[in-house]
C-alpha atoms as a PDB file:
ATOM      1  CA  MET A   1    -123.754  61.196 105.290  1.00  0.00           C
ATOM      2  CA  ALA A   2    -124.536  57.588 104.335  1.00  0.00           C
ATOM      3  CA  THR A   3    -127.532  55.319 104.502  1.00  0.00           C
ATOM      4  CA  VAL A   4    -126.777  52.542 106.946  1.00  0.00           C
ATOM      5  CA  LEU A   5    -128.970  49.425 106.933  1.00  0.00           C
ATOM      6  CA  ILE A   6    -129.088  47.612 110.304  1.00  0.00           C
ATOM      7  CA  VAL A   7    -130.555  44.116 110.202  1.00  0.00           C
ATOM      8  CA  ASP A   8    -130.833  42.871 113.787  1.00  0.00           C
ATOM      9  CA  ASP A   9    -133.747  41.546 115.869  1.00  0.00           C
ATOM     10  CA  ASP A  10    -132.301  42.897 119.183  1.00  0.00           C
ATOM     11  CA  PRO A  11    -134.090  46.246 119.832  1.00  0.00           C
ATOM     12  CA  ALA A  12    -131.428  47.293 122.360  1.00  0.00           C
ATOM     13  CA  ILE A  13    -128.578  46.860 119.853  1.00  0.00           C
ATOM     14  CA  VAL A  14    -130.501  48.618 117.104  1.00  0.00           C
ATOM     15  CA  GLU A  15    -131.390  51.529 119.372  1.00  0.00           C
ATOM     16  CA  VAL A  16    -127.821  52.196 120.565  1.00  0.00           C
ATOM     17  CA  LEU A  17    -126.261  51.784 117.088  1.00  0.00           C
ATOM     18  CA  THR A  18    -128.912  54.068 115.580  1.00  0.00           C
ATOM     19  CA  ALA A  19    -128.123  56.798 118.116  1.00  0.00           C
ATOM     20  CA  TYR A  20    -124.388  56.567 117.534  1.00  0.00           C
ATOM     21  CA  LEU A  21    -124.665  56.500 113.752  1.00  0.00           C
ATOM     22  CA  ALA A  22    -127.190  59.346 113.710  1.00  0.00           C
ATOM     23  CA  ALA A  23    -124.683  61.409 115.746  1.00  0.00           C
ATOM     24  CA  GLU A  24    -122.267  60.891 112.892  1.00  0.00           C
ATOM     25  CA  GLY A  25    -124.796  62.310 110.463  1.00  0.00           C
ATOM     26  CA  HIS A  26    -125.883  59.000 108.924  1.00  0.00           C
ATOM     27  CA  SER A  27    -129.475  57.984 108.167  1.00  0.00           C
ATOM     28  CA  VAL A  28    -130.432  54.533 109.406  1.00  0.00           C
ATOM     29  CA  VAL A  29    -132.787  51.978 107.961  1.00  0.00           C
ATOM     30  CA  MET A  30    -133.808  49.132 110.254  1.00  0.00           C
ATOM     31  CA  GLU A  31    -135.128  45.678 109.734  1.00  0.00           C
ATOM     32  CA  GLU A  32    -135.300  42.672 112.149  1.00  0.00           C
ATOM     33  CA  ASP A  33    -136.061  39.948 109.589  1.00  0.00           C
ATOM     34  CA  GLY A  34    -133.412  38.704 107.112  1.00  0.00           C
ATOM     35  CA  LEU A  35    -135.821  37.953 104.341  1.00  0.00           C
ATOM     36  CA  ALA A  36    -137.592  41.240 104.694  1.00  0.00           C
ATOM     37  CA  ALA A  37    -134.242  43.012 104.467  1.00  0.00           C
ATOM     38  CA  LEU A  38    -133.548  41.828 100.915  1.00  0.00           C
ATOM     39  CA  PRO A  39    -135.191  44.805  99.096  1.00  0.00           C
ATOM     40  CA  LEU A  40    -133.570  47.268 101.502  1.00  0.00           C
ATOM     41  CA  LEU A  41    -130.045  46.362 100.379  1.00  0.00           C
ATOM     42  CA  ALA A  42    -130.379  48.443  97.239  1.00  0.00           C
ATOM     43  CA  ARG A  43    -131.097  51.526  99.373  1.00  0.00           C
ATOM     44  CA  ALA A  44    -127.993  51.211 101.632  1.00  0.00           C
ATOM     45  CA  ASP A  45    -124.463  52.527 101.368  1.00  0.00           C
ATOM     46  CA  VAL A  46    -123.326  50.017 104.027  1.00  0.00           C
ATOM     47  CA  ALA A  47    -125.052  47.201 105.925  1.00  0.00           C
ATOM     48  CA  ILE A  48    -124.677  45.939 109.518  1.00  0.00           C
ATOM     49  CA  ILE A  49    -126.051  42.410 109.661  1.00  0.00           C
ATOM     50  CA  ASP A  50    -126.483  40.171 112.695  1.00  0.00           C
ATOM     51  CA  TRP A  51    -125.595  36.505 112.309  1.00  0.00           C
ATOM     52  CA  MET A  52    -128.833  35.053 113.865  1.00  0.00           C
ATOM     53  CA  LEU A  53    -131.894  36.422 112.182  1.00  0.00           C
ATOM     54  CA  PRO A  54    -135.460  35.190 111.564  1.00  0.00           C
ATOM     55  CA  GLY A  55    -136.404  34.506 107.970  1.00  0.00           C
ATOM     56  CA  MET A  56    -132.846  34.213 106.690  1.00  0.00           C
ATOM     57  CA  THR A  57    -129.593  33.923 108.575  1.00  0.00           C
ATOM     58  CA  GLY A  58    -127.115  36.803 108.519  1.00  0.00           C
ATOM     59  CA  VAL A  59    -124.561  34.683 106.613  1.00  0.00           C
ATOM     60  CA  GLU A  60    -127.217  33.900 103.959  1.00  0.00           C
ATOM     61  CA  LEU A  61    -128.164  37.545 103.748  1.00  0.00           C
ATOM     62  CA  THR A  62    -124.511  38.513 103.452  1.00  0.00           C
ATOM     63  CA  ALA A  63    -123.953  36.015 100.672  1.00  0.00           C
ATOM     64  CA  TYR A  64    -126.969  37.378  98.852  1.00  0.00           C
ATOM     65  CA  ALA A  65    -125.740  40.980  99.289  1.00  0.00           C
ATOM     66  CA  ARG A  66    -122.321  40.066  97.919  1.00  0.00           C
ATOM     67  CA  ARG A  67    -123.881  38.371  94.904  1.00  0.00           C
ATOM     68  CA  GLU A  68    -126.573  40.953  94.025  1.00  0.00           C
ATOM     69  CA  HIS A  69    -124.930  44.125  95.408  1.00  0.00           C
ATOM     70  CA  PRO A  70    -121.178  43.512  95.150  1.00  0.00           C
ATOM     71  CA  GLN A  71    -120.212  47.104  95.945  1.00  0.00           C
ATOM     72  CA  LEU A  72    -122.125  47.124  99.224  1.00  0.00           C
ATOM     73  CA  PRO A  73    -119.840  46.919 102.305  1.00  0.00           C
ATOM     74  CA  VAL A  74    -121.182  44.510 104.965  1.00  0.00           C
ATOM     75  CA  LEU A  75    -120.262  44.409 108.641  1.00  0.00           C
ATOM     76  CA  LEU A  76    -121.297  41.143 110.342  1.00  0.00           C
ATOM     77  CA  LEU A  77    -122.301  41.074 114.027  1.00  0.00           C
ATOM     78  CA  THR A  78    -122.187  37.881 115.983  1.00  0.00           C
ATOM     79  CA  ALA A  79    -121.704  36.258 119.356  1.00  0.00           C
ATOM     80  CA  ARG A  80    -119.595  33.547 117.600  1.00  0.00           C
ATOM     81  CA  GLY A  81    -115.942  34.295 118.136  1.00  0.00           C
ATOM     82  CA  GLU A  82    -114.267  31.142 116.969  1.00  0.00           C
ATOM     83  CA  VAL A  83    -111.873  31.315 114.035  1.00  0.00           C
ATOM     84  CA  GLU A  84    -114.107  28.909 111.971  1.00  0.00           C
ATOM     85  CA  ASP A  85    -117.112  31.187 112.512  1.00  0.00           C
ATOM     86  CA  ARG A  86    -115.109  34.271 111.481  1.00  0.00           C
ATOM     87  CA  LEU A  87    -113.975  32.480 108.309  1.00  0.00           C
ATOM     88  CA  GLU A  88    -117.494  31.414 107.472  1.00  0.00           C
ATOM     89  CA  GLY A  89    -118.710  34.966 107.757  1.00  0.00           C
ATOM     90  CA  LEU A  90    -115.845  36.387 105.725  1.00  0.00           C
ATOM     91  CA  ASN A  91    -116.089  33.726 103.080  1.00  0.00           C
ATOM     92  CA  ALA A  92    -119.790  34.533 102.708  1.00  0.00           C
ATOM     93  CA  GLY A  93    -118.712  38.054 101.688  1.00  0.00           C
ATOM     94  CA  ALA A  94    -118.555  40.134 104.892  1.00  0.00           C
ATOM     95  CA  ASP A  95    -116.044  42.982 104.739  1.00  0.00           C
ATOM     96  CA  ASP A  96    -115.634  43.113 108.502  1.00  0.00           C
ATOM     97  CA  TYR A  97    -116.648  41.162 111.519  1.00  0.00           C
ATOM     98  CA  VAL A  98    -117.389  42.292 115.133  1.00  0.00           C
ATOM     99  CA  VAL A  99    -117.933  39.946 118.057  1.00  0.00           C
ATOM    100  CA  LYS A 100    -120.587  40.684 120.740  1.00  0.00           C
ATOM    101  CA  PRO A 101    -120.447  42.295 123.230  1.00  0.00           C
ATOM    102  CA  PHE A 102    -118.963  45.242 121.439  1.00  0.00           C
ATOM    103  CA  SER A 103    -118.451  48.967 121.834  1.00  0.00           C
ATOM    104  CA  PRO A 104    -120.789  51.010 119.627  1.00  0.00           C
ATOM    105  CA  ARG A 105    -117.898  53.404 119.078  1.00  0.00           C
ATOM    106  CA  GLU A 106    -115.898  50.589 117.604  1.00  0.00           C
ATOM    107  CA  VAL A 107    -118.722  49.678 115.270  1.00  0.00           C
ATOM    108  CA  VAL A 108    -119.063  53.293 114.140  1.00  0.00           C
ATOM    109  CA  ALA A 109    -115.344  53.521 113.574  1.00  0.00           C
ATOM    110  CA  ARG A 110    -115.424  50.392 111.453  1.00  0.00           C
ATOM    111  CA  ILE A 111    -118.363  51.725 109.460  1.00  0.00           C
ATOM    112  CA  ARG A 112    -116.444  54.911 108.895  1.00  0.00           C
ATOM    113  CA  ALA A 113    -113.463  52.889 107.557  1.00  0.00           C
ATOM    114  CA  LEU A 114    -115.756  50.842 105.287  1.00  0.00           C
ATOM    115  CA  LEU A 115    -117.314  53.971 103.834  1.00  0.00           C
ATOM    116  CA  ARG A 116    -113.852  55.498 103.184  1.00  0.00           C
ATOM    117  CA  ARG A 117    -112.893  52.264 101.413  1.00  0.00           C
ATOM    118  CA  VAL A 118    -115.760  52.507  98.981  1.00  0.00           C
ATOM    119  CA  GLY A 119    -115.376  56.223  98.491  1.00  0.00           C
ATOM    120  CA  VAL A 120    -118.469  57.593 100.255  1.00  0.00           C
ATOM    121  CA  ARG A 121    -117.493  61.197 100.816  1.00  0.00           C
ATOM    122  CA  GLU A 122    -118.413  63.543 103.744  1.00  0.00           C
ATOM    123  CA  ARG A 123    -118.274  66.656 101.562  1.00  0.00           C
ATOM    124  CA  ILE A 124    -119.276  67.195  97.973  1.00  0.00           C
ATOM    125  CA  GLU A 125    -118.197  70.273  95.964  1.00  0.00           C
ATOM    126  CA  ALA A 126    -119.652  71.013  92.546  1.00  0.00           C
ATOM    127  CA  GLY A 127    -118.706  74.473  91.351  1.00  0.00           C
ATOM    128  CA  PRO A 128    -120.354  77.028  93.647  1.00  0.00           C
ATOM    129  CA  LEU A 129    -122.407  74.332  95.440  1.00  0.00           C
ATOM    130  CA  THR A 130    -121.041  72.607  98.588  1.00  0.00           C
ATOM    131  CA  LEU A 131    -122.826  69.812 100.393  1.00  0.00           C
ATOM    132  CA  ASP A 132    -121.721  68.940 103.936  1.00  0.00           C
ATOM    133  CA  LEU A 133    -122.969  65.426 104.345  1.00  0.00           C
ATOM    134  CA  ALA A 134    -122.050  65.080 108.029  1.00  0.00           C
ATOM    135  CA  GLY A 135    -123.624  68.383 108.976  1.00  0.00           C
ATOM    136  CA  ARG A 136    -126.515  67.932 106.487  1.00  0.00           C
ATOM    137  CA  SER A 137    -126.096  71.475 105.232  1.00  0.00           C
ATOM    138  CA  ALA A 138    -125.632  73.137 101.849  1.00  0.00           C
ATOM    139  CA  THR A 139    -124.169  76.365 100.588  1.00  0.00           C
ATOM    140  CA  LEU A 140    -124.345  78.047  97.175  1.00  0.00           C
ATOM    141  CA  HIS A 141    -121.693  80.733  96.484  1.00  0.00           C
ATOM    142  CA  GLY A 142    -120.931  80.563 100.210  1.00  0.00           C
ATOM    143  CA  GLN A 143    -124.510  81.289 101.214  1.00  0.00           C
ATOM    144  CA  PRO A 144    -126.576  78.708 103.116  1.00  0.00           C
ATOM    145  CA  VAL A 145    -129.429  76.984 101.261  1.00  0.00           C
ATOM    146  CA  ALA A 146    -132.218  75.477 103.369  1.00  0.00           C
ATOM    147  CA  PHE A 147    -133.441  72.111 102.200  1.00  0.00           C
ATOM    148  CA  SER A 148    -135.978  69.820 103.747  1.00  0.00           C
ATOM    149  CA  ARG A 149    -134.628  66.411 104.868  1.00  0.00           C
ATOM    150  CA  THR A 150    -136.029  64.746 101.738  1.00  0.00           C
ATOM    151  CA  GLU A 151    -134.766  67.467  99.389  1.00  0.00           C
ATOM    152  CA  PHE A 152    -131.275  67.193 100.845  1.00  0.00           C
ATOM    153  CA  ASP A 153    -131.256  63.309 100.632  1.00  0.00           C
ATOM    154  CA  LEU A 154    -132.445  63.537  97.060  1.00  0.00           C
ATOM    155  CA  LEU A 155    -129.772  66.074  96.062  1.00  0.00           C
ATOM    156  CA  VAL A 156    -126.975  64.092  97.787  1.00  0.00           C
ATOM    157  CA  THR A 157    -128.086  60.847  96.119  1.00  0.00           C
ATOM    158  CA  LEU A 158    -127.720  62.451  92.727  1.00  0.00           C
ATOM    159  CA  ALA A 159    -124.554  64.452  93.553  1.00  0.00           C
ATOM    160  CA  GLN A 160    -122.722  61.365  94.860  1.00  0.00           C
ATOM    161  CA  HIS A 161    -122.999  59.803  91.391  1.00  0.00           C
ATOM    162  CA  PRO A 162    -122.495  62.643  88.843  1.00  0.00           C
ATOM    163  CA  GLY A 163    -123.460  61.644  85.319  1.00  0.00           C
ATOM    164  CA  LEU A 164    -125.409  58.642  86.380  1.00  0.00           C
ATOM    165  CA  VAL A 165    -129.036  58.605  85.281  1.00  0.00           C
ATOM    166  CA  TRP A 166    -131.518  57.716  88.021  1.00  0.00           C
ATOM    167  CA  SER A 167    -135.085  56.717  87.141  1.00  0.00           C
ATOM    168  CA  ARG A 168    -137.955  58.108  89.217  1.00  0.00           C
ATOM    169  CA  GLU A 169    -138.639  54.633  90.565  1.00  0.00           C
ATOM    170  CA  ARG A 170    -135.039  54.098  91.675  1.00  0.00           C
ATOM    171  CA  LEU A 171    -134.927  57.505  93.374  1.00  0.00           C
ATOM    172  CA  LEU A 172    -138.210  56.840  95.093  1.00  0.00           C
ATOM    173  CA  GLU A 173    -136.856  53.521  96.490  1.00  0.00           C
ATOM    174  CA  ARG A 174    -133.529  55.019  97.489  1.00  0.00           C
ATOM    175  CA  VAL A 175    -134.706  58.210  99.122  1.00  0.00           C
ATOM    176  CA  TRP A 176    -138.268  57.435 100.302  1.00  0.00           C
ATOM    177  CA  GLY A 177    -137.775  53.696 100.862  1.00  0.00           C
ATOM    178  CA  PRO A 178    -139.340  50.628  99.232  1.00  0.00           C
ATOM    179  CA  GLU A 179    -142.433  50.729 101.442  1.00  0.00           C
ATOM    180  CA  TYR A 180    -143.361  54.306 100.544  1.00  0.00           C
ATOM    181  CA  PRO A 181    -146.989  54.243  99.250  1.00  0.00           C
ATOM    182  CA  GLY A 182    -146.715  57.302  97.016  1.00  0.00           C
ATOM    183  CA  VAL A 183    -146.259  57.502  93.264  1.00  0.00           C
ATOM    184  CA  ALA A 184    -143.097  58.283  91.393  1.00  0.00           C
ATOM    185  CA  ARG A 185    -144.316  61.715  90.418  1.00  0.00           C
ATOM    186  CA  VAL A 186    -143.512  62.937  93.949  1.00  0.00           C
ATOM    187  CA  VAL A 187    -139.849  62.813  92.811  1.00  0.00           C
ATOM    188  CA  ASP A 188    -140.612  65.402  90.124  1.00  0.00           C
ATOM    189  CA  VAL A 189    -142.165  67.708  92.780  1.00  0.00           C
ATOM    190  CA  HIS A 190    -139.071  67.521  94.957  1.00  0.00           C
ATOM    191  CA  ILE A 191    -136.700  67.890  92.033  1.00  0.00           C
ATOM    192  CA  THR A 192    -138.520  71.137  91.081  1.00  0.00           C
ATOM    193  CA  ALA A 193    -138.195  72.394  94.670  1.00  0.00           C
ATOM    194  CA  VAL A 194    -134.447  71.614  94.766  1.00  0.00           C
ATOM    195  CA  ARG A 195    -133.871  73.297  91.417  1.00  0.00           C
ATOM    196  CA  ARG A 196    -135.734  76.401  92.536  1.00  0.00           C
ATOM    197  CA  LYS A 197    -133.517  76.779  95.596  1.00  0.00           C
ATOM    198  CA  LEU A 198    -130.301  76.201  93.644  1.00  0.00           C
ATOM    199  CA  ARG A 199    -131.012  78.450  90.662  1.00  0.00           C
ATOM    200  CA  ASP A 200    -129.952  81.890  91.775  1.00  0.00           C
ATOM    201  CA  ASP A 201    -129.126  82.904  88.251  1.00  0.00           C
ATOM    202  CA  PRO A 202    -131.917  82.239  85.694  1.00  0.00           C
ATOM    203  CA  ASP A 203    -129.344  81.894  82.896  1.00  0.00           C
ATOM    204  CA  ALA A 204    -127.071  79.521  84.757  1.00  0.00           C
ATOM    205  CA  PRO A 205    -127.138  75.774  83.873  1.00  0.00           C
ATOM    206  CA  GLN A 206    -129.063  73.471  86.160  1.00  0.00           C
ATOM    207  CA  PHE A 207    -127.183  71.187  88.557  1.00  0.00           C
ATOM    208  CA  ILE A 208    -129.816  68.518  87.944  1.00  0.00           C
ATOM    209  CA  GLU A 209    -130.575  67.569  84.380  1.00  0.00           C
ATOM    210  CA  THR A 210    -133.707  65.807  83.075  1.00  0.00           C
ATOM    211  CA  VAL A 211    -132.938  62.935  80.739  1.00  0.00           C
ATOM    212  CA  ARG A 212    -136.088  62.547  78.688  1.00  0.00           C
ATOM    213  CA  GLY A 213    -137.826  59.224  79.185  1.00  0.00           C
ATOM    214  CA  LEU A 214    -135.201  58.003  81.646  1.00  0.00           C
ATOM    215  CA  GLY A 215    -135.056  60.233  84.737  1.00  0.00           C
ATOM    216  CA  TYR A 216    -132.484  62.656  86.238  1.00  0.00           C
ATOM    217  CA  ARG A 217    -128.749  63.031  86.626  1.00  0.00           C
ATOM    218  CA  PHE A 218    -126.402  65.411  88.371  1.00  0.00           C
ATOM    219  CA  ARG A 219    -124.183  67.421  85.952  1.00  0.00           C
ATOM    220  CA  GLU A 220    -120.582  66.233  85.800  1.00  0.00           C
ATOM    221  CA  ASP A 221    -119.176  69.664  84.972  1.00  0.00           C
END
């Protein structure tokens, strides 16, 4: 499972891509305005950006993403098929380029390839815990563990980056989205719920550690 940001002002394209990506197990964040998409880049694992956008062009948004989020793969969509246009998009920082009209299956296949390139895994194993990202399921010692959608997304976000400390604010933005009106303490509530479901042995170490004054991290061992 990955978070895919789609920035396109064509509702039909957004709708069909969202359906195909969701069928692959990905979560989708949508925005039609290039300028409004800027804060959403930090939340994404990969971005699909249309060339022609209100607020900021797709090429400008791609260049910003490459400068501020250099690890974020970007797939540029455009009706421009000339070599010069392709070069402009690639030189701006796009990792791949698809010309309209396109097959949604091709776009999904290219997204899959980009995610493999940056190491986004479909399955995470940490000792007795297994997370199936595509199937959005979890098992502990081979037994299924039922998480809410938010709990699962929170656990996956931490588990994909073992040892990395995430502040409450950063987790709130990544999992709940930058427009979420709640307070950062909601993260604590969900962390407690996840821990309760994972701790079958009271004496066993926690998968999620609290780093005092900083936030949370997933144990590396």
